[in-house]
Amino acid sequence: MGYYTTVTGEIRIEPPLTWAEIKENPALPETAGGRSECDVHLRIDEETVDTDEGQLTRKTCAALVPAWDDSFKAYHLVEHVQEMIDAFPGHTFTGRLDCEGEESGDLWRVVVRDGRAVKVTPRIVWPDED
């Protein structure tokens, strides 16, 4: 069965990745079926622009997002975020992915610090009881 985690949020990419940089990446939503264990996808933004030859659809990627809308086995989430950071030198990754597991109090985040994906767990403190 396995342990499921709900993942929300996004990690922004500056400057956005170009289609030339991402078209072969296994984290593209349309190609991720070949790598179903990938815990993050590249969010593709499309813009239609008029050119002398007609309309052109420009695809870029400005964020990493969770691979699934529902909860999933996010066993390698930190590792997969780091793979994306390493794959695109010259780009800045900022933001966070918020994670909530099946057990009460199982909360954690993936944040980017100095070019490294880091798992952060909160410290839960109960107020003094009378």
N, C-alpha and C. Protein backbone atom coordinates (compact mmCIF):
# COMPACT_ATOMS: atom_id res chain seq x y z
N MET A 1 0.83 -1.18 0.00
CA MET A 1 0.00 0.00 0.00
C MET A 1 0.88 1.25 0.00
N GLY A 2 1.48 1.62 1.10
CA GLY A 2 2.35 2.79 1.14
C GLY A 2 1.72 3.95 1.88
N TYR A 3 2.53 4.95 2.11
CA TYR A 3 2.12 6.12 2.87
C TYR A 3 1.89 7.28 1.91
N TYR A 4 0.73 7.90 2.00
CA TYR A 4 0.35 8.96 1.07
C TYR A 4 0.52 10.34 1.69
N THR A 5 0.91 11.30 0.86
CA THR A 5 1.14 12.67 1.28
C THR A 5 0.40 13.61 0.32
N THR A 6 -0.25 14.61 0.88
CA THR A 6 -0.86 15.67 0.06
C THR A 6 0.17 16.79 -0.08
N VAL A 7 0.45 17.18 -1.30
CA VAL A 7 1.47 18.19 -1.58
C VAL A 7 0.80 19.37 -2.31
N THR A 8 1.04 20.58 -1.81
CA THR A 8 0.51 21.79 -2.43
C THR A 8 1.63 22.82 -2.57
N GLY A 9 1.36 23.86 -3.33
CA GLY A 9 2.34 24.94 -3.50
C GLY A 9 3.09 24.80 -4.80
N GLU A 10 4.12 25.63 -4.95
CA GLU A 10 4.94 25.61 -6.15
C GLU A 10 6.32 26.19 -5.85
N ILE A 11 7.25 25.82 -6.68
CA ILE A 11 8.59 26.39 -6.62
C ILE A 11 8.79 27.15 -7.92
N ARG A 12 8.94 28.46 -7.81
CA ARG A 12 9.06 29.32 -8.98
C ARG A 12 10.46 29.25 -9.60
N ILE A 13 10.51 29.49 -10.89
CA ILE A 13 11.77 29.44 -11.64
C ILE A 13 11.97 30.77 -12.35
N GLU A 14 13.11 31.42 -12.08
CA GLU A 14 13.45 32.71 -12.70
C GLU A 14 14.82 32.61 -13.36
N PRO A 15 15.04 33.07 -14.53
CA PRO A 15 13.99 33.37 -15.49
C PRO A 15 13.28 32.08 -15.89
N PRO A 16 12.06 32.19 -16.43
CA PRO A 16 11.35 30.98 -16.84
C PRO A 16 12.17 30.15 -17.83
N LEU A 17 11.98 28.85 -17.77
CA LEU A 17 12.67 27.95 -18.70
C LEU A 17 12.03 28.07 -20.08
N THR A 18 12.84 27.99 -21.11
CA THR A 18 12.34 28.05 -22.49
C THR A 18 11.97 26.64 -22.96
N TRP A 19 11.22 26.57 -24.04
CA TRP A 19 10.84 25.27 -24.59
C TRP A 19 12.08 24.47 -24.99
N ALA A 20 13.07 25.13 -25.53
CA ALA A 20 14.30 24.43 -25.91
C ALA A 20 14.96 23.75 -24.71
N GLU A 21 14.83 24.35 -23.53
CA GLU A 21 15.43 23.78 -22.32
C GLU A 21 14.62 22.61 -21.76
N ILE A 22 13.32 22.60 -21.99
CA ILE A 22 12.47 21.62 -21.30
C ILE A 22 11.85 20.56 -22.19
N LYS A 23 11.92 20.69 -23.49
CA LYS A 23 11.15 19.80 -24.37
C LYS A 23 11.50 18.32 -24.23
N GLU A 24 12.67 17.99 -23.75
CA GLU A 24 13.07 16.59 -23.57
C GLU A 24 13.02 16.15 -22.11
N ASN A 25 12.58 17.02 -21.22
CA ASN A 25 12.62 16.73 -19.78
C ASN A 25 11.55 15.71 -19.39
N PRO A 26 11.90 14.69 -18.62
CA PRO A 26 10.91 13.68 -18.22
C PRO A 26 9.87 14.18 -17.23
N ALA A 27 10.02 15.39 -16.71
CA ALA A 27 9.04 15.94 -15.77
C ALA A 27 7.96 16.75 -16.47
N LEU A 28 7.95 16.76 -17.80
CA LEU A 28 6.84 17.40 -18.50
C LEU A 28 5.58 16.57 -18.27
N PRO A 29 4.47 17.21 -17.98
CA PRO A 29 3.25 16.45 -17.71
C PRO A 29 2.88 15.46 -18.81
N GLU A 30 3.07 15.83 -20.07
CA GLU A 30 2.69 14.94 -21.16
C GLU A 30 3.66 13.78 -21.37
N THR A 31 4.88 13.89 -20.85
CA THR A 31 5.84 12.80 -21.01
C THR A 31 6.11 12.08 -19.70
N ALA A 32 5.53 12.54 -18.63
CA ALA A 32 5.82 11.95 -17.32
C ALA A 32 5.30 10.54 -17.18
N GLY A 33 4.41 10.11 -18.06
CA GLY A 33 3.92 8.74 -18.00
C GLY A 33 5.05 7.73 -18.09
N GLY A 34 6.14 8.09 -18.78
CA GLY A 34 7.29 7.21 -18.87
C GLY A 34 8.13 7.21 -17.61
N ARG A 35 7.86 8.15 -16.72
CA ARG A 35 8.61 8.22 -15.47
C ARG A 35 7.60 8.54 -14.36
N SER A 36 6.72 7.61 -14.11
CA SER A 36 5.60 7.85 -13.20
C SER A 36 6.06 8.10 -11.77
N GLU A 37 7.28 7.75 -11.45
CA GLU A 37 7.77 7.98 -10.08
C GLU A 37 8.24 9.41 -9.86
N CYS A 38 8.19 10.26 -10.88
CA CYS A 38 8.61 11.65 -10.74
C CYS A 38 7.58 12.41 -9.90
N ASP A 39 8.00 12.97 -8.77
CA ASP A 39 7.10 13.60 -7.82
C ASP A 39 6.76 15.05 -8.15
N VAL A 40 7.47 15.67 -9.11
CA VAL A 40 7.16 17.03 -9.52
C VAL A 40 7.03 17.10 -11.03
N HIS A 41 6.26 18.06 -11.48
CA HIS A 41 6.12 18.33 -12.91
C HIS A 41 6.50 19.78 -13.17
N LEU A 42 6.88 20.03 -14.41
CA LEU A 42 7.11 21.39 -14.86
C LEU A 42 5.76 21.97 -15.28
N ARG A 43 5.37 23.10 -14.69
CA ARG A 43 4.10 23.72 -15.08
C ARG A 43 4.34 24.51 -16.37
N ILE A 44 3.65 24.13 -17.41
CA ILE A 44 3.84 24.76 -18.72
C ILE A 44 2.87 25.92 -18.88
N ASP A 45 3.41 27.08 -19.24
CA ASP A 45 2.62 28.27 -19.53
C ASP A 45 2.67 28.49 -21.04
N GLU A 46 1.51 28.71 -21.64
CA GLU A 46 1.44 28.94 -23.08
C GLU A 46 0.97 30.36 -23.36
N GLU A 47 1.61 30.97 -24.35
CA GLU A 47 1.25 32.31 -24.78
C GLU A 47 1.20 32.32 -26.31
N THR A 48 0.10 32.82 -26.86
CA THR A 48 -0.03 32.92 -28.31
C THR A 48 0.34 34.33 -28.74
N VAL A 49 1.28 34.41 -29.69
CA VAL A 49 1.73 35.71 -30.18
C VAL A 49 1.56 35.76 -31.70
N ASP A 50 1.27 36.94 -32.22
CA ASP A 50 1.16 37.13 -33.66
C ASP A 50 2.53 37.39 -34.25
N THR A 51 2.82 36.70 -35.35
CA THR A 51 4.08 36.92 -36.07
C THR A 51 3.73 37.18 -37.53
N ASP A 52 4.72 37.52 -38.34
CA ASP A 52 4.49 37.73 -39.77
C ASP A 52 4.03 36.45 -40.47
N GLU A 53 4.41 35.30 -39.91
CA GLU A 53 4.04 34.01 -40.50
C GLU A 53 2.73 33.46 -39.95
N GLY A 54 2.14 34.10 -38.98
CA GLY A 54 0.90 33.62 -38.36
C GLY A 54 1.03 33.60 -36.85
N GLN A 55 0.10 32.92 -36.19
CA GLN A 55 0.15 32.85 -34.74
C GLN A 55 1.13 31.78 -34.29
N LEU A 56 1.86 32.10 -33.25
CA LEU A 56 2.86 31.20 -32.69
C LEU A 56 2.51 30.97 -31.23
N THR A 57 2.53 29.71 -30.82
CA THR A 57 2.32 29.40 -29.41
C THR A 57 3.67 29.22 -28.76
N ARG A 58 3.96 30.06 -27.77
CA ARG A 58 5.23 30.02 -27.06
C ARG A 58 5.00 29.30 -25.73
N LYS A 59 5.80 28.26 -25.47
CA LYS A 59 5.69 27.51 -24.22
C LYS A 59 6.90 27.79 -23.35
N THR A 60 6.64 28.10 -22.09
CA THR A 60 7.70 28.31 -21.11
C THR A 60 7.31 27.60 -19.82
N CYS A 61 8.23 27.55 -18.89
CA CYS A 61 7.96 26.94 -17.59
C CYS A 61 8.48 27.87 -16.51
N ALA A 62 7.57 28.31 -15.64
CA ALA A 62 7.95 29.24 -14.57
C ALA A 62 7.81 28.62 -13.20
N ALA A 63 7.49 27.31 -13.11
CA ALA A 63 7.32 26.71 -11.78
C ALA A 63 7.36 25.19 -11.83
N LEU A 64 7.81 24.63 -10.70
CA LEU A 64 7.67 23.20 -10.42
C LEU A 64 6.42 23.04 -9.56
N VAL A 65 5.61 22.05 -9.86
CA VAL A 65 4.38 21.80 -9.10
C VAL A 65 4.30 20.31 -8.75
N PRO A 66 3.45 19.96 -7.76
CA PRO A 66 3.28 18.54 -7.44
C PRO A 66 2.82 17.76 -8.68
N ALA A 67 3.27 16.52 -8.79
CA ALA A 67 2.95 15.71 -9.95
C ALA A 67 1.48 15.33 -10.02
N TRP A 68 0.82 15.24 -8.89
CA TRP A 68 -0.58 14.83 -8.87
C TRP A 68 -1.40 15.79 -8.03
N ASP A 69 -2.68 15.94 -8.38
CA ASP A 69 -3.60 16.77 -7.60
C ASP A 69 -4.01 16.07 -6.30
N ASP A 70 -4.11 14.76 -6.34
CA ASP A 70 -4.48 13.98 -5.15
C ASP A 70 -3.23 13.64 -4.35
N SER A 71 -3.42 13.04 -3.18
CA SER A 71 -2.27 12.60 -2.39
C SER A 71 -1.54 11.50 -3.15
N PHE A 72 -0.24 11.39 -2.90
CA PHE A 72 0.58 10.39 -3.57
C PHE A 72 1.75 10.02 -2.68
N LYS A 73 2.48 9.00 -3.07
CA LYS A 73 3.65 8.55 -2.32
C LYS A 73 4.83 9.45 -2.68
N ALA A 74 5.04 10.47 -1.88
CA ALA A 74 6.06 11.48 -2.17
C ALA A 74 7.41 11.10 -1.55
N TYR A 75 7.78 9.86 -1.71
CA TYR A 75 9.00 9.35 -1.09
C TYR A 75 10.26 10.05 -1.59
N HIS A 76 10.25 10.51 -2.84
CA HIS A 76 11.45 11.09 -3.44
C HIS A 76 11.27 12.55 -3.83
N LEU A 77 10.34 13.24 -3.16
CA LEU A 77 10.03 14.62 -3.52
C LEU A 77 11.25 15.53 -3.45
N VAL A 78 11.97 15.48 -2.36
CA VAL A 78 13.16 16.35 -2.20
C VAL A 78 14.19 16.03 -3.29
N GLU A 79 14.42 14.76 -3.52
CA GLU A 79 15.39 14.33 -4.53
C GLU A 79 14.99 14.81 -5.93
N HIS A 80 13.71 14.71 -6.26
CA HIS A 80 13.26 15.12 -7.60
C HIS A 80 13.32 16.63 -7.78
N VAL A 81 13.02 17.39 -6.73
CA VAL A 81 13.17 18.85 -6.81
C VAL A 81 14.64 19.18 -7.05
N GLN A 82 15.54 18.52 -6.35
CA GLN A 82 16.97 18.78 -6.52
C GLN A 82 17.43 18.42 -7.93
N GLU A 83 16.89 17.34 -8.50
CA GLU A 83 17.24 16.97 -9.87
C GLU A 83 16.87 18.10 -10.84
N MET A 84 15.72 18.73 -10.63
CA MET A 84 15.29 19.83 -11.50
C MET A 84 16.20 21.05 -11.32
N ILE A 85 16.57 21.35 -10.08
CA ILE A 85 17.49 22.46 -9.81
C ILE A 85 18.83 22.22 -10.51
N ASP A 86 19.35 21.00 -10.39
CA ASP A 86 20.64 20.66 -11.00
C ASP A 86 20.57 20.66 -12.52
N ALA A 87 19.41 20.34 -13.08
CA ALA A 87 19.26 20.24 -14.53
C ALA A 87 19.26 21.61 -15.22
N PHE A 88 19.02 22.68 -14.45
CA PHE A 88 18.88 24.00 -15.06
C PHE A 88 19.75 25.04 -14.36
N PRO A 89 21.07 24.92 -14.50
CA PRO A 89 21.94 25.95 -13.90
C PRO A 89 21.67 27.29 -14.57
N GLY A 90 21.87 28.36 -13.83
CA GLY A 90 21.61 29.68 -14.36
C GLY A 90 20.20 30.17 -14.09
N HIS A 91 19.38 29.33 -13.48
CA HIS A 91 18.02 29.71 -13.11
C HIS A 91 17.91 29.68 -11.59
N THR A 92 17.08 30.56 -11.05
CA THR A 92 16.87 30.64 -9.60
C THR A 92 15.54 29.98 -9.25
N PHE A 93 15.57 29.11 -8.26
CA PHE A 93 14.38 28.40 -7.80
C PHE A 93 14.02 28.93 -6.41
N THR A 94 12.78 29.39 -6.24
CA THR A 94 12.31 29.90 -4.95
C THR A 94 10.89 29.40 -4.70
N GLY A 95 10.52 29.40 -3.44
CA GLY A 95 9.17 28.97 -3.07
C GLY A 95 9.22 27.71 -2.23
N ARG A 96 8.06 27.06 -2.11
CA ARG A 96 8.01 25.87 -1.28
C ARG A 96 6.87 24.96 -1.70
N LEU A 97 7.01 23.70 -1.33
CA LEU A 97 5.95 22.72 -1.45
C LEU A 97 5.56 22.32 -0.04
N ASP A 98 4.29 22.48 0.32
CA ASP A 98 3.79 22.11 1.64
C ASP A 98 3.26 20.69 1.59
N CYS A 99 3.63 19.88 2.58
CA CYS A 99 3.30 18.47 2.58
C CYS A 99 2.58 18.09 3.88
N GLU A 100 1.54 17.27 3.72
CA GLU A 100 0.80 16.79 4.88
C GLU A 100 0.55 15.30 4.70
N GLY A 101 1.07 14.52 5.64
CA GLY A 101 0.92 13.07 5.57
C GLY A 101 -0.40 12.60 6.15
N GLU A 102 -0.56 11.29 6.19
CA GLU A 102 -1.81 10.69 6.66
C GLU A 102 -1.98 10.78 8.18
N GLU A 103 -0.90 10.81 8.91
CA GLU A 103 -0.96 10.84 10.37
C GLU A 103 -1.14 12.27 10.87
N SER A 104 -1.84 12.43 11.96
CA SER A 104 -2.04 13.74 12.57
C SER A 104 -0.69 14.34 12.96
N GLY A 105 -0.46 15.59 12.56
CA GLY A 105 0.80 16.25 12.90
C GLY A 105 1.94 15.99 11.94
N ASP A 106 1.72 15.16 10.91
CA ASP A 106 2.78 14.88 9.94
C ASP A 106 2.80 15.99 8.89
N LEU A 107 3.51 17.06 9.22
CA LEU A 107 3.63 18.22 8.34
C LEU A 107 5.10 18.47 8.02
N TRP A 108 5.40 18.85 6.81
CA TRP A 108 6.75 19.19 6.40
C TRP A 108 6.69 20.00 5.12
N ARG A 109 7.81 20.58 4.75
CA ARG A 109 7.92 21.39 3.55
C ARG A 109 9.20 21.04 2.80
N VAL A 110 9.16 21.33 1.52
CA VAL A 110 10.37 21.32 0.71
C VAL A 110 10.61 22.77 0.31
N VAL A 111 11.75 23.31 0.72
CA VAL A 111 12.13 24.68 0.38
C VAL A 111 13.47 24.64 -0.34
N VAL A 112 13.77 25.71 -1.04
CA VAL A 112 15.06 25.81 -1.73
C VAL A 112 15.90 26.84 -0.99
N ARG A 113 17.06 26.40 -0.52
CA ARG A 113 18.01 27.27 0.17
C ARG A 113 19.37 27.17 -0.50
N ASP A 114 19.84 28.27 -1.01
CA ASP A 114 21.16 28.32 -1.65
C ASP A 114 21.32 27.23 -2.72
N GLY A 115 20.29 27.07 -3.54
CA GLY A 115 20.35 26.11 -4.63
C GLY A 115 20.20 24.66 -4.23
N ARG A 116 19.76 24.40 -3.02
CA ARG A 116 19.58 23.02 -2.53
C ARG A 116 18.14 22.83 -2.07
N ALA A 117 17.53 21.71 -2.45
CA ALA A 117 16.20 21.35 -1.96
C ALA A 117 16.36 20.77 -0.56
N VAL A 118 15.59 21.31 0.38
CA VAL A 118 15.73 20.93 1.79
C VAL A 118 14.37 20.57 2.36
N LYS A 119 14.32 19.48 3.11
CA LYS A 119 13.10 19.10 3.83
C LYS A 119 13.12 19.79 5.19
N VAL A 120 12.04 20.51 5.49
CA VAL A 120 11.93 21.24 6.74
C VAL A 120 10.73 20.68 7.51
N THR A 121 10.97 20.31 8.75
CA THR A 121 9.89 19.83 9.60
C THR A 121 9.66 20.85 10.71
N PRO A 122 8.39 21.09 11.07
CA PRO A 122 8.11 22.09 12.10
C PRO A 122 8.38 21.54 13.49
N ARG A 123 8.55 22.44 14.41
CA ARG A 123 8.64 22.08 15.82
C ARG A 123 7.29 22.47 16.42
N ILE A 124 6.54 21.49 16.88
CA ILE A 124 5.22 21.74 17.44
C ILE A 124 5.36 21.86 18.96
N VAL A 125 4.92 22.98 19.48
CA VAL A 125 5.02 23.24 20.91
C VAL A 125 3.62 23.43 21.48
N TRP A 126 3.29 22.64 22.47
CA TRP A 126 1.99 22.76 23.15
C TRP A 126 2.12 23.78 24.28
N PRO A 127 1.11 24.65 24.43
CA PRO A 127 1.17 25.60 25.55
C PRO A 127 1.05 24.83 26.88
N ASP A 128 1.59 25.44 27.94
CA ASP A 128 1.49 24.81 29.26
C ASP A 128 0.05 24.62 29.64
N GLU A 129 -0.21 23.46 30.24
CA GLU A 129 -1.55 23.19 30.71
C GLU A 129 -1.64 23.56 32.18
N ASP A 130 -2.83 23.99 32.62
CA ASP A 130 -3.04 24.34 34.04
C ASP A 130 -3.07 23.12 34.90
